[in-house]
PDB file of all heavy atoms in Angstrom:
ATOM      1  N   ARG A   1       0.890  -1.171   0.049  1.00  0.00           N
ATOM      2  CA  ARG A   1      -0.046   0.083  -0.050  1.00  0.00           C
ATOM      3  C   ARG A   1       0.881   1.282   0.097  1.00  0.00           C
ATOM      4  O   ARG A   1       2.022   1.264   0.295  1.00  0.00           O
ATOM      5  CB  ARG A   1      -0.953  -0.027   1.224  1.00  0.00           C
ATOM      6  CG  ARG A   1      -1.865  -1.210   1.187  1.00  0.00           C
ATOM      7  CD  ARG A   1      -2.841  -1.124   2.355  1.00  0.00           C
ATOM      8  NE  ARG A   1      -3.745  -2.325   2.305  1.00  0.00           N
ATOM      9  CZ  ARG A   1      -5.044  -2.271   2.695  1.00  0.00           C
ATOM     10  NH1 ARG A   1      -5.482  -1.223   3.118  1.00  0.00           N
ATOM     11  NH2 ARG A   1      -5.755  -3.375   2.612  1.00  0.00           N
ATOM     12  N   PRO A   2       0.371   2.362  -0.421  1.00  0.00           N
ATOM     13  CA  PRO A   2       1.105   3.597  -0.426  1.00  0.00           C
ATOM     14  C   PRO A   2       1.478   4.096   0.980  1.00  0.00           C
ATOM     15  O   PRO A   2       0.718   3.784   1.955  1.00  0.00           O
ATOM     16  CB  PRO A   2       0.222   4.615  -1.128  1.00  0.00           C
ATOM     17  CG  PRO A   2      -1.211   4.099  -0.964  1.00  0.00           C
ATOM     18  CD  PRO A   2      -1.042   2.629  -0.940  1.00  0.00           C
ATOM     19  N   ARG A   3       2.568   4.821   1.058  1.00  0.00           N
ATOM     20  CA  ARG A   3       2.950   5.327   2.318  1.00  0.00           C
ATOM     21  C   ARG A   3       1.962   6.447   2.797  1.00  0.00           C
ATOM     22  O   ARG A   3       1.452   7.148   1.955  1.00  0.00           O
ATOM     23  CB  ARG A   3       4.426   5.915   2.324  1.00  0.00           C
ATOM     24  CG  ARG A   3       5.498   4.796   2.323  1.00  0.00           C
ATOM     25  CD  ARG A   3       6.790   5.345   2.822  1.00  0.00           C
ATOM     26  NE  ARG A   3       6.631   5.752   4.280  1.00  0.00           N
ATOM     27  CZ  ARG A   3       7.545   6.222   4.949  1.00  0.00           C
ATOM     28  NH1 ARG A   3       8.773   6.510   4.534  1.00  0.00           N
ATOM     29  NH2 ARG A   3       7.444   6.561   6.248  1.00  0.00           N
ATOM     30  N   ILE A   4       1.802   6.539   4.020  1.00  0.00           N
ATOM     31  CA  ILE A   4       0.850   7.559   4.610  1.00  0.00           C
ATOM     32  C   ILE A   4       1.552   8.919   4.689  1.00  0.00           C
ATOM     33  O   ILE A   4       1.020   9.965   4.465  1.00  0.00           O
ATOM     34  CB  ILE A   4       0.297   7.051   5.936  1.00  0.00           C
ATOM     35  CG1 ILE A   4      -0.325   5.725   5.770  1.00  0.00           C
ATOM     36  CG2 ILE A   4      -0.691   8.082   6.529  1.00  0.00           C
ATOM     37  CD1 ILE A   4      -0.737   5.035   7.146  1.00  0.00           C
ATOM     38  N   ILE A   5       2.874   8.890   5.164  1.00  0.00           N
ATOM     39  CA  ILE A   5       3.577  10.089   5.398  1.00  0.00           C
ATOM     40  C   ILE A   5       4.241  10.688   4.101  1.00  0.00           C
ATOM     41  O   ILE A   5       4.793   9.862   3.404  1.00  0.00           O
ATOM     42  CB  ILE A   5       4.664   9.796   6.409  1.00  0.00           C
ATOM     43  CG1 ILE A   5       4.112   9.535   7.730  1.00  0.00           C
ATOM     44  CG2 ILE A   5       5.664  11.036   6.608  1.00  0.00           C
ATOM     45  CD1 ILE A   5       5.114   9.014   8.839  1.00  0.00           C
ATOM     46  N   ASP A   6       4.095  11.863   3.901  1.00  0.00           N
ATOM     47  CA  ASP A   6       4.756  12.528   2.800  1.00  0.00           C
ATOM     48  C   ASP A   6       6.126  13.074   3.299  1.00  0.00           C
ATOM     49  O   ASP A   6       6.120  14.128   4.039  1.00  0.00           O
ATOM     50  CB  ASP A   6       3.875  13.756   2.218  1.00  0.00           C
ATOM     51  CG  ASP A   6       4.528  14.536   1.090  1.00  0.00           C
ATOM     52  OD1 ASP A   6       5.633  14.015   0.629  1.00  0.00           O
ATOM     53  OD2 ASP A   6       3.964  15.456   0.614  1.00  0.00           O
ATOM     54  N   LEU A   7       7.160  12.419   2.927  1.00  0.00           N
ATOM     55  CA  LEU A   7       8.502  12.807   3.481  1.00  0.00           C
ATOM     56  C   LEU A   7       8.888  14.180   3.068  1.00  0.00           C
ATOM     57  O   LEU A   7       9.791  14.805   3.594  1.00  0.00           O
ATOM     58  CB  LEU A   7       9.483  11.743   3.083  1.00  0.00           C
ATOM     59  CG  LEU A   7       9.296  10.482   3.814  1.00  0.00           C
ATOM     60  CD1 LEU A   7      10.300   9.439   3.284  1.00  0.00           C
ATOM     61  CD2 LEU A   7       9.289  10.525   5.245  1.00  0.00           C
ATOM     62  N   LEU A   8       8.290  14.752   1.874  1.00  0.00           N
ATOM     63  CA  LEU A   8       8.651  15.992   1.422  1.00  0.00           C
ATOM     64  C   LEU A   8       8.122  17.124   2.307  1.00  0.00           C
ATOM     65  O   LEU A   8       8.474  18.263   2.205  1.00  0.00           O
ATOM     66  CB  LEU A   8       8.178  16.245  -0.088  1.00  0.00           C
ATOM     67  CG  LEU A   8       8.797  15.220  -1.108  1.00  0.00           C
ATOM     68  CD1 LEU A   8       8.219  15.515  -2.466  1.00  0.00           C
ATOM     69  CD2 LEU A   8      10.310  15.435  -1.137  1.00  0.00           C
ATOM     70  N   ASP A   9       7.210  16.711   3.123  1.00  0.00           N
ATOM     71  CA  ASP A   9       6.497  17.660   4.079  1.00  0.00           C
ATOM     72  C   ASP A   9       6.990  17.418   5.531  1.00  0.00           C
ATOM     73  O   ASP A   9       6.131  17.558   6.466  1.00  0.00           O
ATOM     74  CB  ASP A   9       5.046  17.565   3.973  1.00  0.00           C
ATOM     75  CG  ASP A   9       4.247  18.689   4.620  1.00  0.00           C
ATOM     76  OD1 ASP A   9       4.780  19.821   4.572  1.00  0.00           O
ATOM     77  OD2 ASP A   9       3.233  18.368   5.245  1.00  0.00           O
ATOM     78  N   CYS A  10       8.214  17.026   5.703  1.00  0.00           N
ATOM     79  CA  CYS A  10       8.709  16.663   7.083  1.00  0.00           C
ATOM     80  C   CYS A  10       9.983  17.421   7.326  1.00  0.00           C
ATOM     81  O   CYS A  10      10.833  17.639   6.434  1.00  0.00           O
ATOM     82  CB  CYS A  10       8.880  15.177   7.125  1.00  0.00           C
ATOM     83  SG  CYS A  10       7.409  14.307   7.099  1.00  0.00           S
ATOM     84  N   ASP A  11      10.010  17.839   8.542  1.00  0.00           N
ATOM     85  CA  ASP A  11      11.333  18.492   9.036  1.00  0.00           C
ATOM     86  C   ASP A  11      11.455  18.144  10.522  1.00  0.00           C
ATOM     87  O   ASP A  11      11.136  18.892  11.429  1.00  0.00           O
ATOM     88  CB  ASP A  11      11.219  19.987   8.867  1.00  0.00           C
ATOM     89  CG  ASP A  11      12.484  20.773   9.398  1.00  0.00           C
ATOM     90  OD1 ASP A  11      13.577  20.036   9.532  1.00  0.00           O
ATOM     91  OD2 ASP A  11      12.383  21.945   9.746  1.00  0.00           O
ATOM     92  N   VAL A  12      11.898  16.886  10.734  1.00  0.00           N
ATOM     93  CA  VAL A  12      11.998  16.326  12.110  1.00  0.00           C
ATOM     94  C   VAL A  12      13.401  15.864  12.390  1.00  0.00           C
ATOM     95  O   VAL A  12      13.903  15.103  11.580  1.00  0.00           O
ATOM     96  CB  VAL A  12      10.933  15.250  12.344  1.00  0.00           C
ATOM     97  CG1 VAL A  12      10.947  14.736  13.814  1.00  0.00           C
ATOM     98  CG2 VAL A  12       9.568  15.712  11.820  1.00  0.00           C
ATOM     99  N   GLN A  13      13.917  16.146  13.582  1.00  0.00           N
ATOM    100  CA  GLN A  13      15.138  15.579  13.942  1.00  0.00           C
ATOM    101  C   GLN A  13      14.995  14.167  14.652  1.00  0.00           C
ATOM    102  O   GLN A  13      13.863  13.912  15.077  1.00  0.00           O
ATOM    103  CB  GLN A  13      15.851  16.579  14.976  1.00  0.00           C
ATOM    104  CG  GLN A  13      16.181  17.900  14.443  1.00  0.00           C
ATOM    105  CD  GLN A  13      16.849  18.721  15.549  1.00  0.00           C
ATOM    106  OE1 GLN A  13      17.697  18.228  16.402  1.00  0.00           O
ATOM    107  NE2 GLN A  13      16.572  20.088  15.570  1.00  0.00           N
ATOM    108  N   GLN A  14      16.081  13.442  14.609  1.00  0.00           N
ATOM    109  CA  GLN A  14      16.022  12.163  15.334  1.00  0.00           C
ATOM    110  C   GLN A  14      15.991  12.422  16.819  1.00  0.00           C
ATOM    111  O   GLN A  14      16.656  13.416  17.253  1.00  0.00           O
ATOM    112  CB  GLN A  14      17.099  11.336  14.908  1.00  0.00           C
ATOM    113  CG  GLN A  14      17.159  10.771  13.489  1.00  0.00           C
ATOM    114  CD  GLN A  14      15.966   9.702  13.360  1.00  0.00           C
ATOM    115  OE1 GLN A  14      15.547   9.088  14.308  1.00  0.00           O
ATOM    116  NE2 GLN A  14      15.635   9.482  12.122  1.00  0.00           N
ATOM    117  N   PRO A  15      15.384  11.537  17.607  1.00  0.00           N
ATOM    118  CA  PRO A  15      15.428  11.697  19.065  1.00  0.00           C
ATOM    119  C   PRO A  15      16.825  11.548  19.597  1.00  0.00           C
ATOM    120  O   PRO A  15      17.636  10.775  19.065  1.00  0.00           O
ATOM    121  CB  PRO A  15      14.437  10.675  19.603  1.00  0.00           C
ATOM    122  CG  PRO A  15      14.434   9.605  18.479  1.00  0.00           C
ATOM    123  CD  PRO A  15      14.485  10.393  17.141  1.00  0.00           C
ATOM    124  N   SER A  16      17.090  12.176  20.729  1.00  0.00           N
ATOM    125  CA  SER A  16      18.441  12.063  21.307  1.00  0.00           C
ATOM    126  C   SER A  16      18.657  10.818  22.078  1.00  0.00           C
ATOM    127  O   SER A  16      19.742  10.272  22.268  1.00  0.00           O
ATOM    128  CB  SER A  16      18.695  13.266  22.211  1.00  0.00           C
ATOM    129  OG  SER A  16      17.812  13.232  23.400  1.00  0.00           O
ATOM    130  N   LEU A  17      17.535  10.270  22.632  1.00  0.00           N
ATOM    131  CA  LEU A  17      17.535   9.033  23.478  1.00  0.00           C
ATOM    132  C   LEU A  17      18.509   9.167  24.728  1.00  0.00           C
ATOM    133  O   LEU A  17      19.127   8.153  25.066  1.00  0.00           O
ATOM    134  CB  LEU A  17      17.895   7.788  22.569  1.00  0.00           C
ATOM    135  CG  LEU A  17      17.156   7.579  21.367  1.00  0.00           C
ATOM    136  CD1 LEU A  17      17.492   6.281  20.735  1.00  0.00           C
ATOM    137  CD2 LEU A  17      15.603   7.647  21.708  1.00  0.00           C
ATOM    138  N   THR A  18      18.582  10.331  25.310  1.00  0.00           N
ATOM    139  CA  THR A  18      19.433  10.433  26.425  1.00  0.00           C
ATOM    140  C   THR A  18      18.623  10.407  27.785  1.00  0.00           C
ATOM    141  O   THR A  18      19.204  10.675  28.880  1.00  0.00           O
ATOM    142  CB  THR A  18      20.147  11.828  26.289  1.00  0.00           C
ATOM    143  OG1 THR A  18      19.322  12.854  26.187  1.00  0.00           O
ATOM    144  CG2 THR A  18      21.089  11.811  25.138  1.00  0.00           C
ATOM    145  N   LEU A  19      17.281  10.273  27.701  1.00  0.00           N
ATOM    146  CA  LEU A  19      16.477  10.437  28.963  1.00  0.00           C
ATOM    147  C   LEU A  19      16.893   9.335  30.001  1.00  0.00           C
ATOM    148  O   LEU A  19      16.953   9.591  31.158  1.00  0.00           O
ATOM    149  CB  LEU A  19      15.003  10.379  28.594  1.00  0.00           C
ATOM    150  CG  LEU A  19      14.359  11.644  28.154  1.00  0.00           C
ATOM    151  CD1 LEU A  19      12.959  11.269  27.530  1.00  0.00           C
ATOM    152  CD2 LEU A  19      14.217  12.592  29.188  1.00  0.00           C
ATOM    153  N   GLU A  20      16.949   8.074  29.483  1.00  0.00           N
ATOM    154  CA  GLU A  20      17.072   7.003  30.481  1.00  0.00           C
ATOM    155  C   GLU A  20      18.490   6.877  31.031  1.00  0.00           C
ATOM    156  O   GLU A  20      18.631   6.317  32.100  1.00  0.00           O
ATOM    157  CB  GLU A  20      16.804   5.713  29.747  1.00  0.00           C
ATOM    158  CG  GLU A  20      15.246   5.622  29.291  1.00  0.00           C
ATOM    159  CD  GLU A  20      14.926   6.365  28.112  1.00  0.00           C
ATOM    160  OE1 GLU A  20      15.842   6.838  27.341  1.00  0.00           O
ATOM    161  OE2 GLU A  20      13.652   6.670  27.963  1.00  0.00           O
ATOM    162  N   GLY A  21      19.508   7.298  30.287  1.00  0.00           N
ATOM    163  CA  GLY A  21      20.872   7.218  30.828  1.00  0.00           C
ATOM    164  C   GLY A  21      21.448   5.763  30.720  1.00  0.00           C
ATOM    165  O   GLY A  21      22.430   5.431  31.342  1.00  0.00           O
ATOM    166  N   TYR A  22      20.758   4.953  29.829  1.00  0.00           N
ATOM    167  CA  TYR A  22      21.327   3.546  29.607  1.00  0.00           C
ATOM    168  C   TYR A  22      22.459   3.527  28.624  1.00  0.00           C
ATOM    169  O   TYR A  22      22.617   4.471  27.820  1.00  0.00           O
ATOM    170  CB  TYR A  22      20.260   2.654  29.091  1.00  0.00           C
ATOM    171  CG  TYR A  22      19.082   2.386  30.107  1.00  0.00           C
ATOM    172  CD1 TYR A  22      17.791   2.334  29.751  1.00  0.00           C
ATOM    173  CD2 TYR A  22      19.319   2.268  31.537  1.00  0.00           C
ATOM    174  CE1 TYR A  22      16.742   2.217  30.481  1.00  0.00           C
ATOM    175  CE2 TYR A  22      18.255   2.129  32.374  1.00  0.00           C
ATOM    176  CZ  TYR A  22      17.034   2.074  31.882  1.00  0.00           C
ATOM    177  OH  TYR A  22      15.916   1.924  32.772  1.00  0.00           O
ATOM    178  N   ALA A  23      23.232   2.525  28.599  1.00  0.00           N
ATOM    179  CA  ALA A  23      24.266   2.344  27.566  1.00  0.00           C
ATOM    180  C   ALA A  23      23.687   2.222  26.170  1.00  0.00           C
ATOM    181  O   ALA A  23      24.147   2.793  25.200  1.00  0.00           O
ATOM    182  CB  ALA A  23      25.178   1.074  27.890  1.00  0.00           C
ATOM    183  N   VAL A  24      22.542   1.480  26.115  1.00  0.00           N
ATOM    184  CA  VAL A  24      21.791   1.386  24.874  1.00  0.00           C
ATOM    185  C   VAL A  24      20.304   1.794  25.227  1.00  0.00           C
ATOM    186  O   VAL A  24      19.649   1.124  26.105  1.00  0.00           O
ATOM    187  CB  VAL A  24      21.831   0.060  24.236  1.00  0.00           C
ATOM    188  CG1 VAL A  24      21.001   0.027  22.969  1.00  0.00           C
ATOM    189  CG2 VAL A  24      23.259  -0.321  23.950  1.00  0.00           C
ATOM    190  N   SER A  25      19.772   2.763  24.540  1.00  0.00           N
ATOM    191  CA  SER A  25      18.391   3.177  24.909  1.00  0.00           C
ATOM    192  C   SER A  25      17.337   2.078  24.423  1.00  0.00           C
ATOM    193  O   SER A  25      17.601   1.374  23.491  1.00  0.00           O
ATOM    194  CB  SER A  25      18.132   4.488  24.082  1.00  0.00           C
ATOM    195  OG  SER A  25      16.679   4.770  24.038  1.00  0.00           O
ATOM    196  N   PRO A  26      16.309   1.957  25.232  1.00  0.00           N
ATOM    197  CA  PRO A  26      15.233   0.988  24.826  1.00  0.00           C
ATOM    198  C   PRO A  26      14.558   1.340  23.469  1.00  0.00           C
ATOM    199  O   PRO A  26      13.843   0.632  22.980  1.00  0.00           O
ATOM    200  CB  PRO A  26      14.224   1.084  25.980  1.00  0.00           C
ATOM    201  CG  PRO A  26      14.995   1.643  27.109  1.00  0.00           C
ATOM    202  CD  PRO A  26      16.021   2.550  26.524  1.00  0.00           C
ATOM    203  N   MET A  27      14.884   2.477  22.996  1.00  0.00           N
ATOM    204  CA  MET A  27      14.285   2.910  21.644  1.00  0.00           C
ATOM    205  C   MET A  27      15.367   2.930  20.474  1.00  0.00           C
ATOM    206  O   MET A  27      15.044   3.328  19.361  1.00  0.00           O
ATOM    207  CB  MET A  27      13.630   4.329  21.733  1.00  0.00           C
ATOM    208  CG  MET A  27      12.187   4.235  21.590  1.00  0.00           C
ATOM    209  SD  MET A  27      11.489   5.840  21.050  1.00  0.00           S
ATOM    210  CE  MET A  27      11.965   5.888  19.343  1.00  0.00           C
ATOM    211  N   GLU A  28      16.588   2.457  20.852  1.00  0.00           N
ATOM    212  CA  GLU A  28      17.626   2.547  19.830  1.00  0.00           C
ATOM    213  C   GLU A  28      17.302   1.744  18.582  1.00  0.00           C
ATOM    214  O   GLU A  28      17.622   2.162  17.507  1.00  0.00           O
ATOM    215  CB  GLU A  28      18.945   1.930  20.453  1.00  0.00           C
ATOM    216  CG  GLU A  28      20.157   1.997  19.551  1.00  0.00           C
ATOM    217  CD  GLU A  28      20.596   3.462  19.155  1.00  0.00           C
ATOM    218  OE1 GLU A  28      20.462   4.363  20.032  1.00  0.00           O
ATOM    219  OE2 GLU A  28      21.053   3.700  18.060  1.00  0.00           O
ATOM    220  N   HIS A  29      16.646   0.548  18.780  1.00  0.00           N
ATOM    221  CA  HIS A  29      16.310  -0.252  17.563  1.00  0.00           C
ATOM    222  C   HIS A  29      15.345   0.458  16.656  1.00  0.00           C
ATOM    223  O   HIS A  29      15.433   0.281  15.408  1.00  0.00           O
ATOM    224  CB  HIS A  29      15.778  -1.581  18.000  1.00  0.00           C
ATOM    225  CG  HIS A  29      14.434  -1.526  18.747  1.00  0.00           C
ATOM    226  ND1 HIS A  29      14.144  -0.783  19.751  1.00  0.00           N
ATOM    227  CD2 HIS A  29      13.325  -2.164  18.405  1.00  0.00           C
ATOM    228  CE1 HIS A  29      12.911  -0.951  20.164  1.00  0.00           C
ATOM    229  NE2 HIS A  29      12.344  -1.727  19.328  1.00  0.00           N
ATOM    230  N   MET A  30      14.445   1.306  17.212  1.00  0.00           N
ATOM    231  CA  MET A  30      13.455   2.029  16.322  1.00  0.00           C
ATOM    232  C   MET A  30      14.221   3.241  15.698  1.00  0.00           C
ATOM    233  O   MET A  30      13.877   3.583  14.526  1.00  0.00           O
ATOM    234  CB  MET A  30      12.379   2.516  17.217  1.00  0.00           C
ATOM    235  CG  MET A  30      11.473   1.361  17.783  1.00  0.00           C
ATOM    236  SD  MET A  30      10.936   0.255  16.579  1.00  0.00           S
ATOM    237  CE  MET A  30       9.873   1.274  15.573  1.00  0.00           C
ATOM    238  N   LYS A  31      15.140   3.810  16.407  1.00  0.00           N
ATOM    239  CA  LYS A  31      15.827   4.976  15.891  1.00  0.00           C
ATOM    240  C   LYS A  31      16.728   4.528  14.652  1.00  0.00           C
ATOM    241  O   LYS A  31      16.765   5.209  13.675  1.00  0.00           O
ATOM    242  CB  LYS A  31      16.743   5.703  16.914  1.00  0.00           C
ATOM    243  CG  LYS A  31      17.503   6.818  16.377  1.00  0.00           C
ATOM    244  CD  LYS A  31      18.374   7.518  17.439  1.00  0.00           C
ATOM    245  CE  LYS A  31      19.225   8.659  16.875  1.00  0.00           C
ATOM    246  NZ  LYS A  31      19.986   9.314  17.956  1.00  0.00           N
ATOM    247  N   GLN A  32      17.332   3.311  14.840  1.00  0.00           N
ATOM    248  CA  GLN A  32      18.291   2.869  13.727  1.00  0.00           C
ATOM    249  C   GLN A  32      17.344   2.544  12.517  1.00  0.00           C
ATOM    250  O   GLN A  32      17.755   2.903  11.399  1.00  0.00           O
ATOM    251  CB  GLN A  32      18.866   1.513  14.282  1.00  0.00           C
ATOM    252  CG  GLN A  32      19.921   1.646  15.266  1.00  0.00           C
ATOM    253  CD  GLN A  32      21.130   2.414  14.682  1.00  0.00           C
ATOM    254  OE1 GLN A  32      21.446   2.349  13.464  1.00  0.00           O
ATOM    255  NE2 GLN A  32      21.859   3.077  15.494  1.00  0.00           N
ATOM    256  N   GLN A  33      16.166   2.057  12.679  1.00  0.00           N
ATOM    257  CA  GLN A  33      15.394   1.731  11.515  1.00  0.00           C
ATOM    258  C   GLN A  33      14.835   3.026  10.864  1.00  0.00           C
ATOM    259  O   GLN A  33      14.758   3.149   9.665  1.00  0.00           O
ATOM    260  CB  GLN A  33      14.104   0.864  11.874  1.00  0.00           C
ATOM    261  CG  GLN A  33      14.481  -0.555  12.281  1.00  0.00           C
ATOM    262  CD  GLN A  33      13.293  -1.269  12.790  1.00  0.00           C
ATOM    263  OE1 GLN A  33      12.536  -1.823  11.913  1.00  0.00           O
ATOM    264  NE2 GLN A  33      13.077  -1.270  14.092  1.00  0.00           N
ATOM    265  N   SER A  34      14.536   4.046  11.701  1.00  0.00           N
ATOM    266  CA  SER A  34      14.106   5.323  11.246  1.00  0.00           C
ATOM    267  C   SER A  34      15.181   6.010  10.294  1.00  0.00           C
ATOM    268  O   SER A  34      14.793   6.628   9.368  1.00  0.00           O
ATOM    269  CB  SER A  34      13.651   6.206  12.348  1.00  0.00           C
ATOM    270  OG  SER A  34      13.194   7.480  11.896  1.00  0.00           O
ATOM    271  N   ILE A  35      16.416   5.833  10.747  1.00  0.00           N
ATOM    272  CA  ILE A  35      17.537   6.421   9.975  1.00  0.00           C
ATOM    273  C   ILE A  35      17.522   5.866   8.547  1.00  0.00           C
ATOM    274  O   ILE A  35      17.666   6.557   7.645  1.00  0.00           O
ATOM    275  CB  ILE A  35      18.842   6.168  10.707  1.00  0.00           C
ATOM    276  CG1 ILE A  35      18.904   7.000  12.055  1.00  0.00           C
ATOM    277  CG2 ILE A  35      20.057   6.495   9.830  1.00  0.00           C
ATOM    278  CD1 ILE A  35      20.059   6.767  12.925  1.00  0.00           C
ATOM    279  N   ILE A  36      17.554   4.529   8.465  1.00  0.00           N
ATOM    280  CA  ILE A  36      17.636   3.909   7.143  1.00  0.00           C
ATOM    281  C   ILE A  36      16.413   4.118   6.307  1.00  0.00           C
ATOM    282  O   ILE A  36      16.400   4.286   5.150  1.00  0.00           O
ATOM    283  CB  ILE A  36      17.963   2.404   7.279  1.00  0.00           C
ATOM    284  CG1 ILE A  36      18.363   1.803   5.855  1.00  0.00           C
ATOM    285  CG2 ILE A  36      16.844   1.659   7.887  1.00  0.00           C
ATOM    286  CD1 ILE A  36      19.379   2.504   5.105  1.00  0.00           C
ATOM    287  N   VAL A  37      15.232   4.129   6.986  1.00  0.00           N
ATOM    288  CA  VAL A  37      13.960   4.451   6.317  1.00  0.00           C
ATOM    289  C   VAL A  37      14.075   5.914   5.599  1.00  0.00           C
ATOM    290  O   VAL A  37      13.635   6.056   4.486  1.00  0.00           O
ATOM    291  CB  VAL A  37      12.802   4.337   7.246  1.00  0.00           C
ATOM    292  CG1 VAL A  37      11.556   5.058   6.693  1.00  0.00           C
ATOM    293  CG2 VAL A  37      12.428   2.887   7.543  1.00  0.00           C
ATOM    294  N   GLY A  38      14.543   6.877   6.372  1.00  0.00           N
ATOM    295  CA  GLY A  38      14.693   8.182   5.846  1.00  0.00           C
ATOM    296  C   GLY A  38      15.726   8.180   4.563  1.00  0.00           C
ATOM    297  O   GLY A  38      15.404   8.890   3.640  1.00  0.00           O
ATOM    298  N   GLN A  39      16.831   7.486   4.713  1.00  0.00           N
ATOM    299  CA  GLN A  39      17.691   7.444   3.604  1.00  0.00           C
ATOM    300  C   GLN A  39      17.095   6.785   2.354  1.00  0.00           C
ATOM    301  O   GLN A  39      17.218   7.336   1.279  1.00  0.00           O
ATOM    302  CB  GLN A  39      18.987   6.689   4.016  1.00  0.00           C
ATOM    303  CG  GLN A  39      19.766   7.440   5.049  1.00  0.00           C
ATOM    304  CD  GLN A  39      20.988   6.581   5.546  1.00  0.00           C
ATOM    305  OE1 GLN A  39      21.208   5.493   5.053  1.00  0.00           O
ATOM    306  NE2 GLN A  39      21.735   7.137   6.502  1.00  0.00           N
ATOM    307  N   LEU A  40      16.497   5.637   2.609  1.00  0.00           N
ATOM    308  CA  LEU A  40      15.897   4.859   1.422  1.00  0.00           C
ATOM    309  C   LEU A  40      14.772   5.704   0.873  1.00  0.00           C
ATOM    310  O   LEU A  40      14.524   5.687  -0.395  1.00  0.00           O
ATOM    311  CB  LEU A  40      15.469   3.527   1.840  1.00  0.00           C
ATOM    312  CG  LEU A  40      16.639   2.558   2.225  1.00  0.00           C
ATOM    313  CD1 LEU A  40      15.975   1.322   2.763  1.00  0.00           C
ATOM    314  CD2 LEU A  40      17.545   2.317   1.075  1.00  0.00           C
ATOM    315  N   SER A  41      13.903   6.285   1.722  1.00  0.00           N
ATOM    316  CA  SER A  41      12.780   7.091   1.246  1.00  0.00           C
ATOM    317  C   SER A  41      13.146   8.292   0.375  1.00  0.00           C
ATOM    318  O   SER A  41      12.631   8.557  -0.698  1.00  0.00           O
ATOM    319  CB  SER A  41      11.869   7.428   2.375  1.00  0.00           C
ATOM    320  OG  SER A  41      11.400   6.405   2.990  1.00  0.00           O
ATOM    321  N   ALA A  42      14.314   8.926   0.886  1.00  0.00           N
ATOM    322  CA  ALA A  42      14.786  10.155   0.193  1.00  0.00           C
ATOM    323  C   ALA A  42      15.311   9.765  -1.256  1.00  0.00           C
ATOM    324  O   ALA A  42      15.177  10.524  -2.217  1.00  0.00           O
ATOM    325  CB  ALA A  42      15.836  10.820   0.951  1.00  0.00           C
ATOM    326  N   ARG A  43      15.819   8.568  -1.303  1.00  0.00           N
ATOM    327  CA  ARG A  43      16.422   8.145  -2.536  1.00  0.00           C
ATOM    328  C   ARG A  43      15.501   7.421  -3.498  1.00  0.00           C
ATOM    329  O   ARG A  43      15.456   7.646  -4.756  1.00  0.00           O
ATOM    330  CB  ARG A  43      17.664   7.276  -2.254  1.00  0.00           C
ATOM    331  CG  ARG A  43      18.306   6.637  -3.544  1.00  0.00           C
ATOM    332  CD  ARG A  43      18.782   7.641  -4.487  1.00  0.00           C
ATOM    333  NE  ARG A  43      19.369   7.111  -5.770  1.00  0.00           N
ATOM    334  CZ  ARG A  43      18.609   6.725  -6.845  1.00  0.00           C
ATOM    335  NH1 ARG A  43      17.376   7.027  -6.832  1.00  0.00           N
ATOM    336  NH2 ARG A  43      19.252   6.249  -7.844  1.00  0.00           N
ATOM    337  N   PHE A  44      14.695   6.516  -3.021  1.00  0.00           N
ATOM    338  CA  PHE A  44      13.822   5.715  -3.746  1.00  0.00           C
ATOM    339  C   PHE A  44      12.349   5.857  -3.636  1.00  0.00           C
ATOM    340  O   PHE A  44      11.505   5.406  -4.414  1.00  0.00           O
ATOM    341  CB  PHE A  44      14.131   4.238  -3.567  1.00  0.00           C
ATOM    342  CG  PHE A  44      15.589   3.825  -3.878  1.00  0.00           C
ATOM    343  CD1 PHE A  44      16.512   3.624  -2.885  1.00  0.00           C
ATOM    344  CD2 PHE A  44      16.045   3.735  -5.129  1.00  0.00           C
ATOM    345  CE1 PHE A  44      17.837   3.313  -3.101  1.00  0.00           C
ATOM    346  CE2 PHE A  44      17.335   3.441  -5.474  1.00  0.00           C
ATOM    347  CZ  PHE A  44      18.221   3.242  -4.442  1.00  0.00           C
ATOM    348  N   GLY A  45      11.895   6.405  -2.510  1.00  0.00           N
ATOM    349  CA  GLY A  45      10.568   6.520  -2.186  1.00  0.00           C
ATOM    350  C   GLY A  45       9.998   5.248  -1.560  1.00  0.00           C
ATOM    351  O   GLY A  45       9.483   5.256  -0.411  1.00  0.00           O
TER     352      GLY A  45
END
């Protein structure tokens, strides 16, 4: 199905994930995926 979010209409920074103070944030796995999704979407859609 088509994507719901229009990436051309977005200006959002990645979260810092410093709130918890852990060596690895409980949200690190989602941030990592968001990074590559942004790269792939910008290049291929």
